[in-house]
N, C-alpha and C. Protein backbone atom coordinates (compact mmCIF):
# COMPACT_ATOMS: atom_id res chain seq x y z
N MET A 1 113.80 90.37 79.54
CA MET A 1 113.92 90.43 78.08
C MET A 1 115.25 91.10 77.71
N SER A 2 115.99 90.47 76.85
CA SER A 2 117.29 90.96 76.45
C SER A 2 117.17 92.10 75.44
N ALA A 3 118.16 92.98 75.47
CA ALA A 3 118.22 94.06 74.48
C ALA A 3 118.44 93.50 73.08
N LEU A 4 118.93 92.28 72.98
CA LEU A 4 119.19 91.66 71.68
C LEU A 4 118.02 90.82 71.17
N SER A 5 116.92 90.82 71.89
CA SER A 5 115.80 89.95 71.53
C SER A 5 115.16 90.29 70.18
N SER A 6 115.34 91.51 69.71
CA SER A 6 114.76 91.88 68.42
C SER A 6 115.74 91.72 67.26
N ILE A 7 116.95 91.24 67.54
CA ILE A 7 117.99 91.11 66.52
C ILE A 7 117.87 89.77 65.80
N HIS A 8 118.01 89.81 64.47
CA HIS A 8 118.03 88.60 63.65
C HIS A 8 119.45 88.42 63.12
N VAL A 9 120.10 87.32 63.52
CA VAL A 9 121.48 87.04 63.15
C VAL A 9 121.51 85.89 62.15
N LEU A 10 122.32 86.05 61.11
CA LEU A 10 122.60 84.98 60.17
C LEU A 10 123.96 84.41 60.54
N LEU A 11 124.02 83.13 60.85
CA LEU A 11 125.26 82.45 61.22
C LEU A 11 125.67 81.54 60.06
N VAL A 12 126.84 81.80 59.47
CA VAL A 12 127.30 81.05 58.30
C VAL A 12 128.62 80.36 58.65
N ASP A 13 128.57 79.04 58.73
CA ASP A 13 129.77 78.25 59.03
C ASP A 13 129.55 76.85 58.49
N ASP A 14 130.55 76.29 57.85
CA ASP A 14 130.40 74.95 57.27
C ASP A 14 130.57 73.84 58.29
N ASN A 15 130.98 74.16 59.50
CA ASN A 15 131.16 73.16 60.55
C ASN A 15 129.92 73.15 61.45
N PRO A 16 129.12 72.08 61.40
CA PRO A 16 127.90 72.05 62.21
C PRO A 16 128.17 72.15 63.71
N ASN A 17 129.30 71.61 64.18
CA ASN A 17 129.63 71.72 65.60
C ASN A 17 129.90 73.16 66.00
N MET A 18 130.63 73.88 65.16
CA MET A 18 130.91 75.29 65.45
C MET A 18 129.62 76.10 65.40
N ARG A 19 128.75 75.81 64.43
CA ARG A 19 127.46 76.51 64.38
C ARG A 19 126.68 76.27 65.66
N ALA A 20 126.68 75.05 66.16
CA ALA A 20 125.94 74.73 67.38
C ALA A 20 126.51 75.49 68.58
N ILE A 21 127.82 75.58 68.67
CA ILE A 21 128.47 76.29 69.78
C ILE A 21 128.13 77.78 69.72
N VAL A 22 128.32 78.38 68.55
CA VAL A 22 128.06 79.82 68.41
C VAL A 22 126.57 80.11 68.57
N ALA A 23 125.72 79.24 68.05
CA ALA A 23 124.28 79.43 68.21
C ALA A 23 123.90 79.42 69.69
N ALA A 24 124.49 78.50 70.46
CA ALA A 24 124.21 78.45 71.90
C ALA A 24 124.67 79.74 72.58
N MET A 25 125.82 80.25 72.18
CA MET A 25 126.31 81.52 72.74
C MET A 25 125.35 82.66 72.42
N LEU A 26 124.91 82.72 71.17
CA LEU A 26 124.02 83.80 70.75
C LEU A 26 122.69 83.73 71.50
N LYS A 27 122.18 82.54 71.66
CA LYS A 27 120.93 82.38 72.40
C LYS A 27 121.12 82.74 73.87
N SER A 28 122.28 82.41 74.43
CA SER A 28 122.53 82.70 75.85
C SER A 28 122.63 84.19 76.14
N VAL A 29 123.03 84.98 75.14
CA VAL A 29 123.09 86.44 75.35
C VAL A 29 121.79 87.12 74.94
N GLY A 30 120.82 86.32 74.48
CA GLY A 30 119.49 86.86 74.22
C GLY A 30 119.14 87.21 72.80
N VAL A 31 119.94 86.76 71.82
CA VAL A 31 119.60 87.03 70.42
C VAL A 31 118.25 86.39 70.13
N GLY A 32 117.35 87.19 69.58
CA GLY A 32 115.98 86.74 69.39
C GLY A 32 115.75 85.78 68.26
N ARG A 33 116.46 85.96 67.16
CA ARG A 33 116.22 85.11 65.99
C ARG A 33 117.55 84.75 65.35
N LEU A 34 117.70 83.49 65.02
CA LEU A 34 118.94 83.00 64.45
C LEU A 34 118.63 82.13 63.24
N THR A 35 119.29 82.42 62.13
CA THR A 35 119.17 81.61 60.92
C THR A 35 120.57 81.11 60.59
N GLU A 36 120.67 79.84 60.21
CA GLU A 36 121.97 79.24 59.94
C GLU A 36 122.12 78.86 58.47
N ALA A 37 123.36 78.96 57.99
CA ALA A 37 123.69 78.54 56.62
C ALA A 37 125.01 77.79 56.65
N GLU A 38 125.19 76.86 55.70
CA GLU A 38 126.38 76.01 55.67
C GLU A 38 127.56 76.61 54.92
N ASP A 39 127.33 77.60 54.09
CA ASP A 39 128.44 78.25 53.38
C ASP A 39 127.97 79.61 52.87
N GLY A 40 128.90 80.36 52.31
CA GLY A 40 128.59 81.70 51.86
C GLY A 40 127.49 81.77 50.81
N ALA A 41 127.47 80.82 49.89
CA ALA A 41 126.44 80.82 48.84
C ALA A 41 125.05 80.63 49.46
N ASP A 42 124.94 79.70 50.40
CA ASP A 42 123.66 79.50 51.09
C ASP A 42 123.29 80.74 51.90
N GLY A 43 124.30 81.36 52.50
CA GLY A 43 124.05 82.58 53.27
C GLY A 43 123.51 83.70 52.41
N LEU A 44 124.08 83.87 51.22
CA LEU A 44 123.58 84.91 50.30
C LEU A 44 122.14 84.64 49.89
N GLU A 45 121.85 83.38 49.63
CA GLU A 45 120.48 83.02 49.25
C GLU A 45 119.51 83.33 50.39
N LEU A 46 119.90 83.04 51.61
CA LEU A 46 119.05 83.36 52.77
C LEU A 46 118.86 84.86 52.92
N LEU A 47 119.92 85.63 52.66
CA LEU A 47 119.80 87.10 52.73
C LEU A 47 118.78 87.64 51.74
N ARG A 48 118.66 86.98 50.62
CA ARG A 48 117.70 87.43 49.60
C ARG A 48 116.26 87.12 50.02
N ARG A 49 116.09 86.13 50.90
CA ARG A 49 114.75 85.73 51.33
C ARG A 49 114.32 86.31 52.68
N GLU A 50 115.29 86.65 53.52
CA GLU A 50 114.97 87.09 54.87
C GLU A 50 115.72 88.37 55.22
N ALA A 51 115.07 89.24 55.97
CA ALA A 51 115.73 90.45 56.48
C ALA A 51 116.58 90.04 57.68
N VAL A 52 117.87 90.32 57.60
CA VAL A 52 118.83 89.96 58.64
C VAL A 52 119.48 91.25 59.14
N ASP A 53 119.76 91.30 60.44
CA ASP A 53 120.39 92.48 61.03
C ASP A 53 121.91 92.39 61.07
N ILE A 54 122.43 91.21 61.32
CA ILE A 54 123.88 91.00 61.45
C ILE A 54 124.22 89.62 60.89
N ALA A 55 125.36 89.52 60.19
CA ALA A 55 125.85 88.21 59.74
C ALA A 55 127.14 87.89 60.47
N ILE A 56 127.23 86.66 60.94
CA ILE A 56 128.46 86.14 61.53
C ILE A 56 128.91 85.02 60.62
N VAL A 57 130.09 85.17 60.02
CA VAL A 57 130.53 84.22 58.99
C VAL A 57 131.92 83.68 59.30
N ASP A 58 132.12 82.43 58.93
CA ASP A 58 133.43 81.80 59.05
C ASP A 58 134.30 82.27 57.89
N PHE A 59 135.59 82.35 58.12
CA PHE A 59 136.51 82.78 57.08
C PHE A 59 136.63 81.71 56.00
N ARG A 60 136.85 80.47 56.42
CA ARG A 60 137.19 79.40 55.49
C ARG A 60 136.02 78.45 55.31
N MET A 61 135.41 78.47 54.13
CA MET A 61 134.31 77.56 53.78
C MET A 61 134.39 77.26 52.29
N LYS A 62 133.73 76.22 51.88
CA LYS A 62 133.62 75.90 50.45
C LYS A 62 132.16 75.66 50.15
N PRO A 63 131.66 76.01 49.02
CA PRO A 63 132.36 76.58 47.87
C PRO A 63 132.61 78.09 47.98
N MET A 64 131.89 78.80 48.85
CA MET A 64 132.10 80.25 48.98
C MET A 64 132.51 80.55 50.42
N ASP A 65 133.69 81.15 50.57
CA ASP A 65 134.17 81.46 51.91
C ASP A 65 133.62 82.80 52.42
N GLY A 66 133.99 83.14 53.64
CA GLY A 66 133.47 84.35 54.27
C GLY A 66 133.92 85.64 53.59
N VAL A 67 135.12 85.65 53.04
CA VAL A 67 135.61 86.84 52.34
C VAL A 67 134.79 87.06 51.06
N ALA A 68 134.57 86.00 50.30
CA ALA A 68 133.77 86.11 49.07
C ALA A 68 132.33 86.49 49.41
N PHE A 69 131.79 85.93 50.49
CA PHE A 69 130.45 86.29 50.95
C PHE A 69 130.38 87.79 51.25
N THR A 70 131.36 88.29 51.98
CA THR A 70 131.37 89.71 52.35
C THR A 70 131.49 90.59 51.12
N ARG A 71 132.37 90.23 50.20
CA ARG A 71 132.51 91.01 48.96
C ARG A 71 131.20 91.03 48.19
N ALA A 72 130.52 89.90 48.13
CA ALA A 72 129.24 89.82 47.41
C ALA A 72 128.19 90.71 48.09
N VAL A 73 128.13 90.64 49.41
CA VAL A 73 127.17 91.47 50.15
C VAL A 73 127.45 92.95 49.90
N ARG A 74 128.71 93.32 49.90
CA ARG A 74 129.07 94.74 49.74
C ARG A 74 128.95 95.24 48.30
N SER A 75 129.22 94.38 47.31
CA SER A 75 129.38 94.92 45.96
C SER A 75 128.44 94.39 44.88
N GLN A 76 127.74 93.30 45.11
CA GLN A 76 126.85 92.80 44.05
C GLN A 76 125.69 93.76 43.85
N ALA A 77 125.34 93.96 42.61
CA ALA A 77 124.25 94.89 42.29
C ALA A 77 122.93 94.46 42.92
N ASP A 78 122.71 93.15 43.05
CA ASP A 78 121.46 92.67 43.63
C ASP A 78 121.56 92.34 45.12
N SER A 79 122.59 92.86 45.78
CA SER A 79 122.75 92.61 47.21
C SER A 79 121.56 93.17 47.98
N PRO A 80 120.94 92.37 48.82
CA PRO A 80 119.77 92.84 49.57
C PRO A 80 120.12 93.88 50.63
N ASN A 81 121.38 93.90 51.11
CA ASN A 81 121.76 94.86 52.14
C ASN A 81 123.27 95.06 52.15
N PRO A 82 123.80 95.95 51.31
CA PRO A 82 125.25 96.15 51.28
C PRO A 82 125.81 96.75 52.57
N TYR A 83 124.95 97.28 53.44
CA TYR A 83 125.39 97.87 54.70
C TYR A 83 125.31 96.88 55.87
N LEU A 84 125.02 95.63 55.59
CA LEU A 84 124.88 94.62 56.63
C LEU A 84 126.16 94.50 57.46
N PRO A 85 126.07 94.60 58.78
CA PRO A 85 127.27 94.35 59.60
C PRO A 85 127.68 92.89 59.47
N VAL A 86 128.96 92.66 59.19
CA VAL A 86 129.49 91.31 59.02
C VAL A 86 130.60 91.11 60.04
N ILE A 87 130.42 90.11 60.89
CA ILE A 87 131.44 89.72 61.86
C ILE A 87 132.09 88.45 61.34
N MET A 88 133.40 88.49 61.13
CA MET A 88 134.15 87.35 60.60
C MET A 88 134.76 86.55 61.75
N MET A 89 134.60 85.22 61.68
CA MET A 89 135.23 84.32 62.64
C MET A 89 136.28 83.48 61.92
N THR A 90 137.40 83.23 62.60
CA THR A 90 138.39 82.33 62.02
C THR A 90 139.32 81.79 63.09
N GLY A 91 139.80 80.58 62.83
CA GLY A 91 140.82 79.99 63.67
C GLY A 91 142.20 80.38 63.19
N HIS A 92 142.27 81.08 62.09
CA HIS A 92 143.54 81.52 61.50
C HIS A 92 143.57 83.04 61.52
N SER A 93 144.11 83.60 62.58
CA SER A 93 144.01 85.05 62.75
C SER A 93 145.32 85.77 62.44
N GLU A 94 146.08 85.24 61.49
CA GLU A 94 147.29 85.93 61.07
C GLU A 94 146.93 87.30 60.51
N LYS A 95 147.89 88.21 60.58
CA LYS A 95 147.64 89.58 60.11
C LYS A 95 147.16 89.60 58.66
N SER A 96 147.68 88.72 57.81
CA SER A 96 147.28 88.72 56.40
C SER A 96 145.80 88.37 56.26
N ARG A 97 145.29 87.49 57.10
CA ARG A 97 143.87 87.13 57.04
C ARG A 97 142.99 88.26 57.56
N VAL A 98 143.43 88.88 58.64
CA VAL A 98 142.68 90.01 59.18
C VAL A 98 142.61 91.12 58.14
N THR A 99 143.72 91.39 57.49
CA THR A 99 143.78 92.42 56.45
C THR A 99 142.88 92.05 55.27
N GLU A 100 142.91 90.79 54.85
CA GLU A 100 142.06 90.35 53.74
C GLU A 100 140.58 90.53 54.08
N ALA A 101 140.21 90.15 55.30
CA ALA A 101 138.82 90.30 55.73
C ALA A 101 138.44 91.77 55.80
N ARG A 102 139.30 92.58 56.37
CA ARG A 102 139.05 94.03 56.47
C ARG A 102 138.87 94.64 55.08
N ASP A 103 139.74 94.27 54.16
CA ASP A 103 139.69 94.83 52.81
C ASP A 103 138.47 94.35 52.02
N ALA A 104 137.86 93.25 52.44
CA ALA A 104 136.63 92.77 51.81
C ALA A 104 135.42 93.54 52.32
N GLY A 105 135.57 94.22 53.46
CA GLY A 105 134.46 95.00 54.02
C GLY A 105 133.88 94.42 55.29
N VAL A 106 134.62 93.54 55.96
CA VAL A 106 134.15 92.98 57.23
C VAL A 106 134.09 94.09 58.27
N THR A 107 133.07 94.03 59.10
CA THR A 107 132.87 95.06 60.11
C THR A 107 133.68 94.78 61.37
N GLU A 108 133.67 93.53 61.84
CA GLU A 108 134.41 93.12 63.03
C GLU A 108 135.03 91.75 62.78
N PHE A 109 135.95 91.37 63.66
CA PHE A 109 136.71 90.14 63.49
C PHE A 109 136.78 89.42 64.83
N VAL A 110 136.58 88.09 64.83
CA VAL A 110 136.65 87.28 66.05
C VAL A 110 137.54 86.08 65.76
N ALA A 111 138.52 85.85 66.64
CA ALA A 111 139.39 84.68 66.50
C ALA A 111 138.78 83.49 67.25
N LYS A 112 138.88 82.32 66.63
CA LYS A 112 138.45 81.09 67.29
C LYS A 112 139.60 80.57 68.14
N PRO A 113 139.36 79.94 69.25
CA PRO A 113 138.05 79.58 69.77
C PRO A 113 137.31 80.83 70.26
N VAL A 114 136.05 80.90 69.90
CA VAL A 114 135.22 82.07 70.21
C VAL A 114 134.79 82.00 71.68
N LYS A 115 134.92 83.12 72.36
CA LYS A 115 134.42 83.24 73.72
C LYS A 115 133.11 84.03 73.67
N ALA A 116 132.18 83.68 74.53
CA ALA A 116 130.88 84.36 74.54
C ALA A 116 131.05 85.86 74.77
N GLN A 117 131.94 86.25 75.69
CA GLN A 117 132.14 87.67 75.98
C GLN A 117 132.70 88.41 74.76
N THR A 118 133.61 87.78 74.05
CA THR A 118 134.18 88.40 72.85
C THR A 118 133.10 88.59 71.79
N LEU A 119 132.28 87.57 71.60
CA LEU A 119 131.21 87.66 70.62
C LEU A 119 130.22 88.76 71.00
N LEU A 120 129.88 88.84 72.28
CA LEU A 120 128.98 89.90 72.75
C LEU A 120 129.60 91.28 72.53
N THR A 121 130.89 91.40 72.77
CA THR A 121 131.58 92.68 72.55
C THR A 121 131.50 93.10 71.09
N ARG A 122 131.68 92.16 70.17
CA ARG A 122 131.60 92.48 68.74
C ARG A 122 130.17 92.84 68.33
N LEU A 123 129.19 92.13 68.89
CA LEU A 123 127.79 92.47 68.61
C LEU A 123 127.49 93.89 69.10
N GLU A 124 127.93 94.21 70.30
CA GLU A 124 127.72 95.56 70.83
C GLU A 124 128.38 96.60 69.94
N ALA A 125 129.58 96.29 69.44
CA ALA A 125 130.30 97.25 68.60
C ALA A 125 129.51 97.58 67.33
N VAL A 126 128.97 96.57 66.67
CA VAL A 126 128.25 96.84 65.41
C VAL A 126 126.90 97.49 65.66
N ILE A 127 126.32 97.26 66.84
CA ILE A 127 125.02 97.85 67.14
C ILE A 127 125.15 99.24 67.74
N LEU A 128 126.03 99.39 68.73
CA LEU A 128 126.12 100.65 69.48
C LEU A 128 127.11 101.64 68.91
N ARG A 129 128.11 101.15 68.18
CA ARG A 129 129.14 102.04 67.63
C ARG A 129 129.38 101.75 66.15
N PRO A 130 128.33 101.86 65.34
CA PRO A 130 128.52 101.56 63.91
C PRO A 130 129.47 102.57 63.27
N ARG A 131 130.33 102.06 62.42
CA ARG A 131 131.26 102.94 61.69
C ARG A 131 130.61 103.41 60.40
N PRO A 132 130.90 104.63 59.98
CA PRO A 132 130.35 105.09 58.70
C PRO A 132 130.93 104.26 57.55
N PHE A 133 130.17 104.17 56.48
CA PHE A 133 130.64 103.45 55.30
C PHE A 133 131.31 104.42 54.34
N VAL A 134 132.30 103.91 53.65
CA VAL A 134 133.01 104.70 52.65
C VAL A 134 133.00 103.96 51.33
N ARG A 135 133.07 104.73 50.26
CA ARG A 135 133.13 104.15 48.91
C ARG A 135 134.31 104.77 48.17
N SER A 136 135.10 103.90 47.57
CA SER A 136 136.20 104.34 46.71
C SER A 136 136.16 103.44 45.48
N PRO A 137 137.00 103.70 44.50
CA PRO A 137 136.99 102.83 43.31
C PRO A 137 137.27 101.35 43.63
N SER A 138 138.00 101.09 44.71
CA SER A 138 138.37 99.70 45.01
C SER A 138 137.81 99.16 46.32
N TYR A 139 136.96 99.93 47.01
CA TYR A 139 136.46 99.47 48.31
C TYR A 139 135.11 100.09 48.62
N PHE A 140 134.22 99.25 49.18
CA PHE A 140 132.99 99.74 49.78
C PHE A 140 132.79 98.97 51.07
N GLY A 141 132.63 99.68 52.15
CA GLY A 141 132.42 99.02 53.43
C GLY A 141 132.62 99.98 54.57
N PRO A 142 132.69 99.44 55.79
CA PRO A 142 132.88 100.30 56.95
C PRO A 142 134.24 100.98 56.89
N ASP A 143 134.27 102.21 57.36
CA ASP A 143 135.51 102.97 57.40
C ASP A 143 136.55 102.15 58.15
N ARG A 144 137.70 101.95 57.54
CA ARG A 144 138.73 101.13 58.15
C ARG A 144 139.52 101.88 59.22
N ARG A 145 139.36 103.19 59.27
CA ARG A 145 140.01 103.97 60.33
C ARG A 145 139.14 103.88 61.57
N ARG A 146 139.65 103.27 62.60
CA ARG A 146 138.87 103.06 63.81
C ARG A 146 138.92 104.26 64.75
N THR A 147 139.92 105.08 64.63
CA THR A 147 140.00 106.23 65.54
C THR A 147 140.09 107.51 64.74
N ARG A 148 139.52 108.53 65.29
CA ARG A 148 139.58 109.86 64.71
C ARG A 148 140.19 110.79 65.75
N THR A 149 141.20 111.50 65.38
CA THR A 149 141.82 112.43 66.29
C THR A 149 141.28 113.82 65.99
N GLU A 150 140.45 114.31 66.90
CA GLU A 150 139.89 115.64 66.71
C GLU A 150 141.00 116.67 66.74
N GLY A 151 140.95 117.60 65.84
CA GLY A 151 141.95 118.66 65.79
C GLY A 151 143.29 118.22 65.24
N TYR A 152 143.35 117.08 64.58
CA TYR A 152 144.61 116.59 64.01
C TYR A 152 145.12 117.62 63.00
N ALA A 153 146.36 118.07 63.20
CA ALA A 153 146.92 119.12 62.34
C ALA A 153 148.07 118.60 61.48
N GLY A 154 148.32 117.32 61.52
CA GLY A 154 149.44 116.76 60.77
C GLY A 154 149.12 116.58 59.30
N PRO A 155 150.03 115.91 58.59
CA PRO A 155 149.82 115.69 57.15
C PRO A 155 148.70 114.68 56.91
N PHE A 156 148.13 114.76 55.70
CA PHE A 156 147.13 113.77 55.31
C PHE A 156 147.81 112.42 55.19
N ARG A 157 147.04 111.37 55.31
CA ARG A 157 147.62 110.03 55.31
C ARG A 157 147.37 109.27 54.01
N ARG A 158 146.62 109.82 53.10
CA ARG A 158 146.33 109.14 51.84
C ARG A 158 146.69 110.04 50.67
N ALA A 159 147.12 109.41 49.60
CA ALA A 159 147.49 110.18 48.42
C ALA A 159 146.28 110.94 47.87
N ASP A 160 145.09 110.37 48.01
CA ASP A 160 143.92 111.03 47.44
C ASP A 160 143.26 112.02 48.41
N ASP A 161 143.92 112.34 49.52
CA ASP A 161 143.41 113.37 50.42
C ASP A 161 143.55 114.77 49.82
N GLY A 162 144.23 114.87 48.70
CA GLY A 162 144.24 116.13 47.98
C GLY A 162 145.51 116.95 48.09
N VAL A 163 146.48 116.51 48.84
CA VAL A 163 147.68 117.32 48.98
C VAL A 163 148.88 116.77 48.22
N LEU A 164 148.85 115.49 47.88
CA LEU A 164 149.96 114.91 47.16
C LEU A 164 149.62 114.83 45.68
N ASP A 165 150.52 115.25 44.84
CA ASP A 165 150.29 115.20 43.39
C ASP A 165 151.16 114.17 42.74
């Protein structure tokens, strides 16, 4: 029995072939329950009906893409789970896209073509090493700082850290 057998994953991708490939990968690593959606809007509707542990979403879909899906999950007043781990997949992994996904509140990022080991690594990250969530006037989601330096004595890195006026 896999450690992932109790996990329910929502897979959102408008390409049925990609959904089939990723679904096969998820099943091969032991994911217990998988629900599929064709776009972000369908994914949100499924989230309202079913308890999901992790969402894996494609970046580019119509009518609602993965970034809009993530923003809705994080910020809509009626969101069923604003803390839902969201893993973004895309074949376009330029820095601007990674930044856009991060700023929407994506938890992890996977570049296509997806490898089973990479997908498993991202699943492990959201399950075993969850990042704390932060809220600011313009952002709600996982802390974007991936590393913490204990005993850091240097200057603060943000204007709102309280030292810059």
